[in-house]
Amino acid sequence: MNKRCSVISTRVKPLDCLVVVMLLSLAACGPSRLEQSYGKLGQGLPDETSTDVTITELDKGEIEYILSAARLERFYDRRIIRAYEVDILAFSGKDRQSTKLKADSTIVDDARNLIYAHGNVKVNYPEVNVNTTRLIWDRNSNELFAPDRVTLIREGNILRGTNLRTNLSIYPTQMDSVTAEGYVDQEYLDW
């Protein structure tokens, strides 16, 4: 038996081989876009840890807020305080109206003048109660932002929505995807 074998021969120039090998090595051995490396957050250990702490923040001699926490961690270089099981009593406006904020944990960022509240966040105004899971308090403008689901309760009436934007006096208040439960007097309806 005669076996036939066909061989295709091509002439490959050494320069073409070198180019192909270089392209393959660059494409195959380089880092994948999926394998990105990121730097560490660099949080490290706190400079100070305290338990059962009360902090009074003053602004021009007047109390801006009083923070009470079961545990507190300070990071001096970043001007950050992490607090756990937190109660904050904030004062705003000329009449120094008080607002109470309660959360599982907060981060007070003094460098940017922000307070981040996380977990079972409850804000109690004289007339309105706000419940959410996350809240950002911009102390520069005294505005509150809650990007998650929010429940507002006023006189037994309930508003639910997302993306709350308001201030420490709760008026005006803006929310997205709002639903409501409660009783509305006929005089409030404007047909």
N, C-alpha and C. Protein backbone atom coordinates (compact mmCIF):
# COMPACT_ATOMS: atom_id res chain seq x y z
N MET A 1 0.81 -1.16 0.00
CA MET A 1 0.00 0.00 0.00
C MET A 1 0.86 1.23 0.00
N ASN A 2 0.36 2.07 -0.73
CA ASN A 2 1.09 3.31 -0.89
C ASN A 2 0.32 4.41 -0.16
N LYS A 3 0.92 4.94 0.86
CA LYS A 3 0.28 6.02 1.59
C LYS A 3 0.72 7.32 0.99
N ARG A 4 -0.31 8.13 0.83
CA ARG A 4 0.00 9.45 0.28
C ARG A 4 -0.05 10.47 1.38
N CYS A 5 0.85 11.21 1.38
CA CYS A 5 0.93 12.25 2.40
C CYS A 5 1.21 13.55 1.67
N SER A 6 0.39 14.53 1.97
CA SER A 6 0.64 15.82 1.31
C SER A 6 1.12 16.81 2.35
N VAL A 7 2.07 17.51 2.00
CA VAL A 7 2.66 18.52 2.87
C VAL A 7 2.60 19.84 2.14
N ILE A 8 2.06 20.79 2.87
CA ILE A 8 2.02 22.12 2.28
C ILE A 8 3.23 22.85 2.80
N SER A 9 3.98 23.29 1.93
CA SER A 9 5.15 24.03 2.37
C SER A 9 4.99 25.48 1.98
N THR A 10 5.30 26.30 2.94
CA THR A 10 5.28 27.73 2.68
C THR A 10 6.60 28.28 3.13
N ARG A 11 6.91 29.30 2.54
CA ARG A 11 8.15 29.94 2.93
C ARG A 11 7.85 31.03 3.95
N VAL A 12 8.42 30.89 5.09
CA VAL A 12 8.24 31.86 6.15
C VAL A 12 9.54 32.61 6.31
N LYS A 13 9.38 33.89 6.28
CA LYS A 13 10.56 34.71 6.47
C LYS A 13 10.85 34.82 7.96
N PRO A 14 12.08 34.83 8.34
CA PRO A 14 12.43 34.92 9.77
C PRO A 14 11.86 36.19 10.42
N LEU A 15 11.77 37.26 9.68
CA LEU A 15 11.23 38.50 10.22
C LEU A 15 9.74 38.36 10.52
N ASP A 16 8.99 37.63 9.66
CA ASP A 16 7.57 37.40 9.90
C ASP A 16 7.37 36.56 11.16
N CYS A 17 8.19 35.57 11.36
CA CYS A 17 8.11 34.73 12.56
C CYS A 17 8.36 35.56 13.81
N LEU A 18 9.33 36.41 13.74
CA LEU A 18 9.66 37.24 14.89
C LEU A 18 8.51 38.18 15.24
N VAL A 19 7.88 38.75 14.24
CA VAL A 19 6.74 39.64 14.47
C VAL A 19 5.58 38.88 15.09
N VAL A 20 5.28 37.69 14.58
CA VAL A 20 4.18 36.88 15.12
C VAL A 20 4.47 36.47 16.55
N VAL A 21 5.69 36.05 16.83
CA VAL A 21 6.06 35.64 18.19
C VAL A 21 5.95 36.83 19.13
N MET A 22 6.38 38.01 18.74
CA MET A 22 6.30 39.19 19.59
C MET A 22 4.84 39.57 19.85
N LEU A 23 4.01 39.54 18.83
CA LEU A 23 2.60 39.86 19.01
C LEU A 23 1.92 38.86 19.96
N LEU A 24 2.22 37.59 19.78
CA LEU A 24 1.65 36.57 20.66
C LEU A 24 2.12 36.76 22.10
N SER A 25 3.38 37.06 22.27
CA SER A 25 3.88 37.22 23.63
C SER A 25 3.30 38.47 24.29
N LEU A 26 3.09 39.53 23.54
CA LEU A 26 2.48 40.73 24.11
C LEU A 26 1.02 40.51 24.46
N ALA A 27 0.30 39.82 23.60
CA ALA A 27 -1.14 39.62 23.83
C ALA A 27 -1.39 38.54 24.86
N ALA A 28 -0.60 37.50 24.85
CA ALA A 28 -0.87 36.36 25.73
C ALA A 28 -0.33 36.54 27.13
N CYS A 29 0.74 37.26 27.30
CA CYS A 29 1.38 37.35 28.60
C CYS A 29 1.06 38.62 29.36
N GLY A 30 0.35 39.52 28.75
CA GLY A 30 0.03 40.78 29.43
C GLY A 30 -1.08 40.58 30.45
N PRO A 31 -1.24 41.55 31.33
CA PRO A 31 -2.30 41.42 32.33
C PRO A 31 -3.67 41.52 31.67
N SER A 32 -4.56 40.71 32.14
CA SER A 32 -5.92 40.71 31.61
C SER A 32 -6.67 41.91 32.15
N ARG A 33 -7.64 42.38 31.38
CA ARG A 33 -8.46 43.50 31.86
C ARG A 33 -9.27 43.07 33.08
N LEU A 34 -9.50 41.78 33.23
CA LEU A 34 -10.26 41.29 34.37
C LEU A 34 -9.42 41.19 35.63
N GLU A 35 -8.12 41.21 35.48
CA GLU A 35 -7.23 41.05 36.62
C GLU A 35 -6.59 42.39 36.97
N GLN A 36 -7.39 43.32 37.43
CA GLN A 36 -6.89 44.62 37.82
C GLN A 36 -6.47 44.58 39.27
N SER A 37 -5.43 45.30 39.60
CA SER A 37 -5.03 45.38 41.00
C SER A 37 -5.35 46.78 41.50
N TYR A 38 -5.86 46.82 42.69
CA TYR A 38 -6.24 48.08 43.30
C TYR A 38 -5.46 48.24 44.60
N GLY A 39 -5.16 49.47 44.91
CA GLY A 39 -4.47 49.74 46.16
C GLY A 39 -5.37 49.49 47.35
N LYS A 40 -4.77 49.28 48.49
CA LYS A 40 -5.53 49.05 49.71
C LYS A 40 -6.19 50.34 50.15
N LEU A 41 -7.26 50.21 50.89
CA LEU A 41 -7.94 51.38 51.41
C LEU A 41 -7.08 52.13 52.42
N GLY A 42 -6.16 51.45 53.04
CA GLY A 42 -5.25 52.12 53.95
C GLY A 42 -5.93 52.59 55.23
N GLN A 43 -6.95 51.86 55.67
CA GLN A 43 -7.65 52.30 56.87
C GLN A 43 -6.79 52.09 58.11
N GLY A 44 -6.12 50.98 58.18
CA GLY A 44 -5.25 50.73 59.31
C GLY A 44 -6.01 50.72 60.62
N LEU A 45 -5.26 50.77 61.68
CA LEU A 45 -5.85 50.79 63.02
C LEU A 45 -6.16 52.22 63.42
N PRO A 46 -7.21 52.39 64.21
CA PRO A 46 -7.54 53.74 64.66
C PRO A 46 -6.48 54.27 65.62
N ASP A 47 -6.34 55.59 65.65
CA ASP A 47 -5.40 56.22 66.58
C ASP A 47 -5.95 56.23 68.00
N GLU A 48 -7.27 56.17 68.11
CA GLU A 48 -7.91 56.21 69.43
C GLU A 48 -9.19 55.39 69.36
N THR A 49 -9.46 54.61 70.38
CA THR A 49 -10.70 53.87 70.52
C THR A 49 -11.26 54.14 71.89
N SER A 50 -12.55 54.50 71.95
CA SER A 50 -13.19 54.83 73.22
C SER A 50 -14.55 54.15 73.28
N THR A 51 -15.06 53.96 74.48
CA THR A 51 -16.40 53.42 74.66
C THR A 51 -17.24 54.40 75.47
N ASP A 52 -18.55 54.33 75.27
CA ASP A 52 -19.51 55.21 75.95
C ASP A 52 -19.06 56.67 75.89
N VAL A 53 -19.07 57.21 74.68
CA VAL A 53 -18.52 58.54 74.43
C VAL A 53 -19.63 59.51 74.05
N THR A 54 -19.47 60.76 74.46
CA THR A 54 -20.34 61.85 74.02
C THR A 54 -19.45 62.97 73.50
N ILE A 55 -19.72 63.42 72.26
CA ILE A 55 -18.97 64.50 71.63
C ILE A 55 -19.93 65.64 71.35
N THR A 56 -19.54 66.85 71.72
CA THR A 56 -20.33 68.04 71.41
C THR A 56 -19.57 68.84 70.37
N GLU A 57 -20.17 69.03 69.19
CA GLU A 57 -19.57 69.79 68.09
C GLU A 57 -20.12 71.21 68.13
N LEU A 58 -19.21 72.17 68.21
CA LEU A 58 -19.59 73.58 68.27
C LEU A 58 -19.29 74.27 66.95
N ASP A 59 -20.13 75.24 66.60
CA ASP A 59 -19.91 76.09 65.43
C ASP A 59 -20.14 77.52 65.86
N LYS A 60 -19.08 78.31 65.90
CA LYS A 60 -19.14 79.71 66.33
C LYS A 60 -19.78 79.85 67.70
N GLY A 61 -19.40 78.97 68.61
CA GLY A 61 -19.87 79.05 69.97
C GLY A 61 -21.22 78.42 70.24
N GLU A 62 -21.93 77.97 69.20
CA GLU A 62 -23.23 77.34 69.37
C GLU A 62 -23.11 75.85 69.08
N ILE A 63 -23.91 75.06 69.79
CA ILE A 63 -23.88 73.62 69.60
C ILE A 63 -24.49 73.27 68.25
N GLU A 64 -23.71 72.58 67.43
CA GLU A 64 -24.21 72.12 66.13
C GLU A 64 -24.86 70.75 66.29
N TYR A 65 -24.15 69.84 67.00
CA TYR A 65 -24.73 68.54 67.30
C TYR A 65 -24.03 67.92 68.50
N ILE A 66 -24.72 66.95 69.11
CA ILE A 66 -24.17 66.16 70.20
C ILE A 66 -24.24 64.71 69.76
N LEU A 67 -23.10 64.03 69.70
CA LEU A 67 -23.03 62.64 69.27
C LEU A 67 -22.73 61.77 70.48
N SER A 68 -23.56 60.77 70.71
CA SER A 68 -23.32 59.78 71.77
C SER A 68 -23.17 58.43 71.10
N ALA A 69 -22.16 57.65 71.52
CA ALA A 69 -21.90 56.36 70.88
C ALA A 69 -21.43 55.34 71.90
N ALA A 70 -21.77 54.08 71.65
CA ALA A 70 -21.31 53.00 72.50
C ALA A 70 -19.81 52.76 72.30
N ARG A 71 -19.34 52.92 71.06
CA ARG A 71 -17.91 52.78 70.76
C ARG A 71 -17.53 53.76 69.67
N LEU A 72 -16.32 54.28 69.76
CA LEU A 72 -15.87 55.30 68.82
C LEU A 72 -14.41 55.05 68.45
N GLU A 73 -14.10 55.22 67.17
CA GLU A 73 -12.73 55.07 66.68
C GLU A 73 -12.34 56.35 65.95
N ARG A 74 -11.18 56.92 66.29
CA ARG A 74 -10.70 58.14 65.64
C ARG A 74 -9.48 57.84 64.79
N PHE A 75 -9.45 58.49 63.63
CA PHE A 75 -8.30 58.43 62.72
C PHE A 75 -7.83 59.87 62.55
N TYR A 76 -6.78 60.25 63.24
CA TYR A 76 -6.34 61.65 63.29
C TYR A 76 -5.92 62.19 61.93
N ASP A 77 -5.11 61.43 61.19
CA ASP A 77 -4.55 61.94 59.93
C ASP A 77 -5.63 62.19 58.88
N ARG A 78 -6.70 61.39 58.87
CA ARG A 78 -7.77 61.56 57.89
C ARG A 78 -8.95 62.36 58.43
N ARG A 79 -8.90 62.72 59.71
CA ARG A 79 -9.96 63.48 60.37
C ARG A 79 -11.30 62.77 60.24
N ILE A 80 -11.30 61.48 60.58
CA ILE A 80 -12.49 60.64 60.49
C ILE A 80 -12.78 60.00 61.84
N ILE A 81 -14.06 59.94 62.18
CA ILE A 81 -14.52 59.26 63.38
C ILE A 81 -15.52 58.20 62.93
N ARG A 82 -15.30 56.96 63.37
CA ARG A 82 -16.27 55.89 63.16
C ARG A 82 -16.93 55.62 64.51
N ALA A 83 -18.27 55.65 64.54
CA ALA A 83 -18.98 55.45 65.79
C ALA A 83 -20.02 54.36 65.61
N TYR A 84 -20.29 53.62 66.68
CA TYR A 84 -21.22 52.50 66.64
C TYR A 84 -22.30 52.70 67.71
N GLU A 85 -23.54 52.26 67.37
CA GLU A 85 -24.71 52.47 68.23
C GLU A 85 -24.81 53.94 68.59
N VAL A 86 -25.18 54.74 67.59
CA VAL A 86 -25.04 56.19 67.64
C VAL A 86 -26.39 56.88 67.83
N ASP A 87 -26.38 57.93 68.64
CA ASP A 87 -27.47 58.88 68.78
C ASP A 87 -26.88 60.26 68.54
N ILE A 88 -27.50 61.04 67.63
CA ILE A 88 -27.05 62.40 67.37
C ILE A 88 -28.23 63.34 67.59
N LEU A 89 -28.00 64.39 68.35
CA LEU A 89 -28.98 65.44 68.53
C LEU A 89 -28.42 66.67 67.82
N ALA A 90 -29.07 67.07 66.71
CA ALA A 90 -28.59 68.19 65.90
C ALA A 90 -29.49 69.40 66.09
N PHE A 91 -28.89 70.58 66.02
CA PHE A 91 -29.62 71.83 66.16
C PHE A 91 -29.44 72.64 64.89
N SER A 92 -30.55 73.23 64.40
CA SER A 92 -30.46 74.00 63.17
C SER A 92 -31.39 75.19 63.22
N GLY A 93 -31.12 76.14 62.34
CA GLY A 93 -31.98 77.31 62.19
C GLY A 93 -31.78 78.32 63.32
N LYS A 94 -32.44 79.44 63.15
CA LYS A 94 -32.34 80.50 64.14
C LYS A 94 -33.02 80.12 65.44
N ASP A 95 -34.09 79.30 65.34
CA ASP A 95 -34.81 78.88 66.55
C ASP A 95 -34.15 77.68 67.21
N ARG A 96 -33.04 77.18 66.63
CA ARG A 96 -32.26 76.06 67.17
C ARG A 96 -33.12 74.81 67.32
N GLN A 97 -33.96 74.55 66.30
CA GLN A 97 -34.81 73.38 66.31
C GLN A 97 -33.96 72.12 66.37
N SER A 98 -34.37 71.15 67.18
CA SER A 98 -33.58 69.93 67.35
C SER A 98 -34.10 68.80 66.47
N THR A 99 -33.17 67.99 65.99
CA THR A 99 -33.45 66.81 65.19
C THR A 99 -32.65 65.67 65.79
N LYS A 100 -33.28 64.51 65.97
CA LYS A 100 -32.60 63.35 66.53
C LYS A 100 -32.33 62.34 65.43
N LEU A 101 -31.10 61.84 65.39
CA LEU A 101 -30.70 60.83 64.42
C LEU A 101 -30.16 59.64 65.19
N LYS A 102 -30.61 58.46 64.84
CA LYS A 102 -30.16 57.22 65.49
C LYS A 102 -29.73 56.26 64.38
N ALA A 103 -28.60 55.57 64.57
CA ALA A 103 -28.11 54.64 63.56
C ALA A 103 -27.24 53.58 64.21
N ASP A 104 -27.09 52.45 63.50
CA ASP A 104 -26.20 51.39 63.99
C ASP A 104 -24.75 51.87 63.96
N SER A 105 -24.38 52.61 62.90
CA SER A 105 -23.01 53.13 62.82
C SER A 105 -23.00 54.42 62.01
N THR A 106 -22.00 55.24 62.27
CA THR A 106 -21.81 56.47 61.50
C THR A 106 -20.33 56.66 61.23
N ILE A 107 -20.07 57.42 60.19
CA ILE A 107 -18.73 57.89 59.89
C ILE A 107 -18.81 59.40 59.82
N VAL A 108 -18.07 60.07 60.66
CA VAL A 108 -18.01 61.53 60.66
C VAL A 108 -16.73 61.92 59.93
N ASP A 109 -16.88 62.52 58.76
CA ASP A 109 -15.75 62.94 57.95
C ASP A 109 -15.60 64.45 58.13
N ASP A 110 -14.74 64.85 59.07
CA ASP A 110 -14.54 66.27 59.35
C ASP A 110 -13.82 66.99 58.22
N ALA A 111 -13.03 66.28 57.44
CA ALA A 111 -12.32 66.91 56.32
C ALA A 111 -13.30 67.41 55.26
N ARG A 112 -14.36 66.65 54.99
CA ARG A 112 -15.36 67.05 54.00
C ARG A 112 -16.65 67.56 54.63
N ASN A 113 -16.71 67.53 55.96
CA ASN A 113 -17.86 68.02 56.71
C ASN A 113 -19.13 67.22 56.39
N LEU A 114 -18.99 65.88 56.36
CA LEU A 114 -20.10 64.97 56.07
C LEU A 114 -20.26 63.97 57.20
N ILE A 115 -21.50 63.52 57.40
CA ILE A 115 -21.78 62.42 58.31
C ILE A 115 -22.53 61.36 57.52
N TYR A 116 -22.02 60.13 57.55
CA TYR A 116 -22.65 58.99 56.90
C TYR A 116 -23.26 58.11 57.99
N ALA A 117 -24.55 57.83 57.91
CA ALA A 117 -25.22 56.97 58.88
C ALA A 117 -25.63 55.68 58.17
N HIS A 118 -25.42 54.53 58.83
CA HIS A 118 -25.69 53.23 58.22
C HIS A 118 -26.47 52.34 59.19
N GLY A 119 -27.41 51.59 58.66
CA GLY A 119 -28.10 50.57 59.43
C GLY A 119 -29.16 51.11 60.37
N ASN A 120 -30.40 50.76 60.14
CA ASN A 120 -31.52 51.17 61.00
C ASN A 120 -31.49 52.65 61.33
N VAL A 121 -31.38 53.47 60.30
CA VAL A 121 -31.29 54.92 60.49
C VAL A 121 -32.69 55.47 60.76
N LYS A 122 -32.81 56.21 61.84
CA LYS A 122 -34.06 56.85 62.21
C LYS A 122 -33.78 58.32 62.50
N VAL A 123 -34.54 59.18 61.83
CA VAL A 123 -34.42 60.62 62.06
C VAL A 123 -35.77 61.09 62.59
N ASN A 124 -35.75 61.71 63.77
CA ASN A 124 -36.99 62.17 64.41
C ASN A 124 -36.99 63.68 64.45
N TYR A 125 -37.94 64.26 63.72
CA TYR A 125 -38.20 65.68 63.75
C TYR A 125 -39.38 65.89 64.71
N PRO A 126 -39.68 67.14 65.08
CA PRO A 126 -40.85 67.35 65.93
C PRO A 126 -42.15 66.80 65.33
N GLU A 127 -42.32 66.84 64.01
CA GLU A 127 -43.58 66.41 63.38
C GLU A 127 -43.44 65.17 62.51
N VAL A 128 -42.24 64.79 62.13
CA VAL A 128 -42.03 63.75 61.13
C VAL A 128 -40.95 62.77 61.61
N ASN A 129 -41.17 61.47 61.32
CA ASN A 129 -40.15 60.45 61.58
C ASN A 129 -39.72 59.88 60.23
N VAL A 130 -38.42 59.70 60.06
CA VAL A 130 -37.85 59.17 58.81
C VAL A 130 -37.10 57.88 59.15
N ASN A 131 -37.37 56.81 58.40
CA ASN A 131 -36.68 55.54 58.58
C ASN A 131 -36.05 55.13 57.25
N THR A 132 -34.78 54.71 57.30
CA THR A 132 -34.06 54.27 56.10
C THR A 132 -32.88 53.40 56.53
N THR A 133 -32.09 52.94 55.56
CA THR A 133 -30.91 52.14 55.89
C THR A 133 -29.61 52.91 55.76
N ARG A 134 -29.61 53.97 54.94
CA ARG A 134 -28.40 54.79 54.75
C ARG A 134 -28.81 56.24 54.64
N LEU A 135 -27.98 57.12 55.22
CA LEU A 135 -28.27 58.55 55.16
C LEU A 135 -26.95 59.31 55.11
N ILE A 136 -26.91 60.36 54.30
CA ILE A 136 -25.74 61.23 54.23
C ILE A 136 -26.18 62.62 54.65
N TRP A 137 -25.49 63.18 55.63
CA TRP A 137 -25.79 64.52 56.12
C TRP A 137 -24.64 65.42 55.69
N ASP A 138 -24.89 66.32 54.75
CA ASP A 138 -23.90 67.30 54.31
C ASP A 138 -24.00 68.50 55.25
N ARG A 139 -23.06 68.62 56.16
CA ARG A 139 -23.12 69.68 57.17
C ARG A 139 -22.79 71.05 56.58
N ASN A 140 -22.20 71.09 55.39
CA ASN A 140 -21.94 72.38 54.74
C ASN A 140 -23.25 73.08 54.39
N SER A 141 -24.22 72.31 53.89
CA SER A 141 -25.49 72.87 53.47
C SER A 141 -26.66 72.44 54.36
N ASN A 142 -26.37 71.60 55.38
CA ASN A 142 -27.40 71.02 56.25
C ASN A 142 -28.47 70.28 55.45
N GLU A 143 -28.04 69.59 54.40
CA GLU A 143 -28.95 68.78 53.59
C GLU A 143 -28.76 67.31 53.92
N LEU A 144 -29.86 66.55 53.83
CA LEU A 144 -29.86 65.12 54.08
C LEU A 144 -30.18 64.40 52.78
N PHE A 145 -29.46 63.30 52.52
CA PHE A 145 -29.69 62.47 51.34
C PHE A 145 -29.81 61.02 51.80
N ALA A 146 -30.85 60.34 51.36
CA ALA A 146 -31.02 58.92 51.65
C ALA A 146 -31.27 58.20 50.32
N PRO A 147 -30.26 57.54 49.77
CA PRO A 147 -30.39 56.95 48.43
C PRO A 147 -31.23 55.67 48.38
N ASP A 148 -31.48 55.04 49.53
CA ASP A 148 -32.22 53.78 49.54
C ASP A 148 -33.70 54.04 49.81
N ARG A 149 -34.43 52.97 50.13
CA ARG A 149 -35.85 53.08 50.48
C ARG A 149 -36.00 53.92 51.74
N VAL A 150 -37.01 54.77 51.74
CA VAL A 150 -37.25 55.69 52.85
C VAL A 150 -38.73 55.63 53.23
N THR A 151 -39.00 55.70 54.52
CA THR A 151 -40.37 55.80 55.02
C THR A 151 -40.48 57.07 55.86
N LEU A 152 -41.42 57.94 55.52
CA LEU A 152 -41.72 59.15 56.29
C LEU A 152 -43.07 58.97 56.95
N ILE A 153 -43.15 59.22 58.24
CA ILE A 153 -44.40 59.08 58.98
C ILE A 153 -44.72 60.43 59.62
N ARG A 154 -45.93 60.94 59.32
CA ARG A 154 -46.38 62.21 59.88
C ARG A 154 -47.86 62.09 60.23
N GLU A 155 -48.16 62.27 61.49
CA GLU A 155 -49.55 62.23 61.98
C GLU A 155 -50.27 60.98 61.51
N GLY A 156 -49.62 59.83 61.54
CA GLY A 156 -50.24 58.58 61.13
C GLY A 156 -50.24 58.34 59.64
N ASN A 157 -49.87 59.32 58.84
CA ASN A 157 -49.79 59.16 57.39
C ASN A 157 -48.39 58.70 57.03
N ILE A 158 -48.30 57.82 56.03
CA ILE A 158 -47.02 57.21 55.67
C ILE A 158 -46.71 57.49 54.21
N LEU A 159 -45.51 57.98 53.95
CA LEU A 159 -44.99 58.13 52.59
C LEU A 159 -43.79 57.20 52.47
N ARG A 160 -43.75 56.45 51.37
CA ARG A 160 -42.60 55.59 51.09
C ARG A 160 -42.04 55.99 49.73
N GLY A 161 -40.73 55.94 49.62
CA GLY A 161 -40.11 56.28 48.36
C GLY A 161 -38.63 55.97 48.39
N THR A 162 -37.92 56.49 47.43
CA THR A 162 -36.46 56.32 47.34
C THR A 162 -35.83 57.68 47.09
N ASN A 163 -34.54 57.74 47.34
CA ASN A 163 -33.74 58.91 46.98
C ASN A 163 -34.25 60.20 47.65
N LEU A 164 -34.33 60.17 48.96
CA LEU A 164 -34.79 61.33 49.73
C LEU A 164 -33.76 62.45 49.67
N ARG A 165 -34.25 63.68 49.47
CA ARG A 165 -33.42 64.88 49.52
C ARG A 165 -34.19 65.92 50.33
N THR A 166 -33.60 66.35 51.44
CA THR A 166 -34.27 67.32 52.29
C THR A 166 -33.21 68.07 53.11
N ASN A 167 -33.67 68.85 54.09
CA ASN A 167 -32.74 69.55 54.98
C ASN A 167 -33.09 69.21 56.42
N LEU A 168 -32.41 69.82 57.38
CA LEU A 168 -32.64 69.47 58.78
C LEU A 168 -34.02 69.89 59.28
N SER A 169 -34.68 70.79 58.59
CA SER A 169 -36.03 71.17 59.01
C SER A 169 -37.10 70.33 58.30
N ILE A 170 -36.73 69.41 57.44
CA ILE A 170 -37.53 68.47 56.65
C ILE A 170 -38.41 69.15 55.60
N TYR A 171 -38.39 70.46 55.50
CA TYR A 171 -39.17 71.16 54.48
C TYR A 171 -38.24 71.99 53.63
N PRO A 172 -38.23 71.90 52.35
CA PRO A 172 -38.99 70.99 51.49
C PRO A 172 -38.35 69.60 51.46
N THR A 173 -39.12 68.62 51.03
CA THR A 173 -38.66 67.24 50.92
C THR A 173 -38.95 66.75 49.51
N GLN A 174 -37.97 66.07 48.92
CA GLN A 174 -38.15 65.47 47.60
C GLN A 174 -37.82 63.98 47.69
N MET A 175 -38.62 63.15 46.99
CA MET A 175 -38.38 61.72 46.91
C MET A 175 -38.81 61.23 45.54
N ASP A 176 -38.27 60.10 45.15
CA ASP A 176 -38.65 59.44 43.91
C ASP A 176 -39.51 58.22 44.24
N SER A 177 -40.31 57.77 43.28
CA SER A 177 -41.12 56.54 43.39
C SER A 177 -41.94 56.53 44.68
N VAL A 178 -42.74 57.55 44.88
CA VAL A 178 -43.46 57.74 46.14
C VAL A 178 -44.79 56.99 46.13
N THR A 179 -45.09 56.31 47.25
CA THR A 179 -46.40 55.75 47.51
C THR A 179 -46.86 56.30 48.86
N ALA A 180 -48.17 56.31 49.08
CA ALA A 180 -48.70 56.91 50.30
C ALA A 180 -49.80 56.06 50.90
N GLU A 181 -49.90 56.13 52.25
CA GLU A 181 -50.98 55.51 53.00
C GLU A 181 -51.44 56.53 54.02
N GLY A 182 -52.73 56.62 54.22
CA GLY A 182 -53.21 57.52 55.25
C GLY A 182 -54.52 58.16 54.89
N TYR A 183 -54.89 59.15 55.66
CA TYR A 183 -56.15 59.84 55.53
C TYR A 183 -55.89 61.28 55.11
N VAL A 184 -56.62 61.75 54.08
CA VAL A 184 -56.48 63.12 53.61
C VAL A 184 -57.84 63.80 53.73
N ASP A 185 -57.88 64.94 54.41
CA ASP A 185 -59.13 65.70 54.51
C ASP A 185 -59.50 66.23 53.13
N GLN A 186 -60.80 66.41 52.93
CA GLN A 186 -61.32 66.90 51.66
C GLN A 186 -60.74 68.26 51.31
N GLU A 187 -60.44 69.09 52.31
CA GLU A 187 -59.92 70.44 52.06
C GLU A 187 -58.53 70.43 51.43
N TYR A 188 -57.78 69.32 51.60
CA TYR A 188 -56.45 69.25 51.02
C TYR A 188 -56.47 68.88 49.55
N LEU A 189 -57.57 68.31 49.08
CA LEU A 189 -57.65 67.91 47.68
C LEU A 189 -57.93 69.13 46.82
N ASP A 190 -57.15 69.31 45.80
CA ASP A 190 -57.30 70.45 44.90
C ASP A 190 -57.60 69.90 43.50
N TRP A 191 -58.84 69.67 43.22
CA TRP A 191 -59.23 69.11 41.92
C TRP A 191 -59.38 70.21 40.96
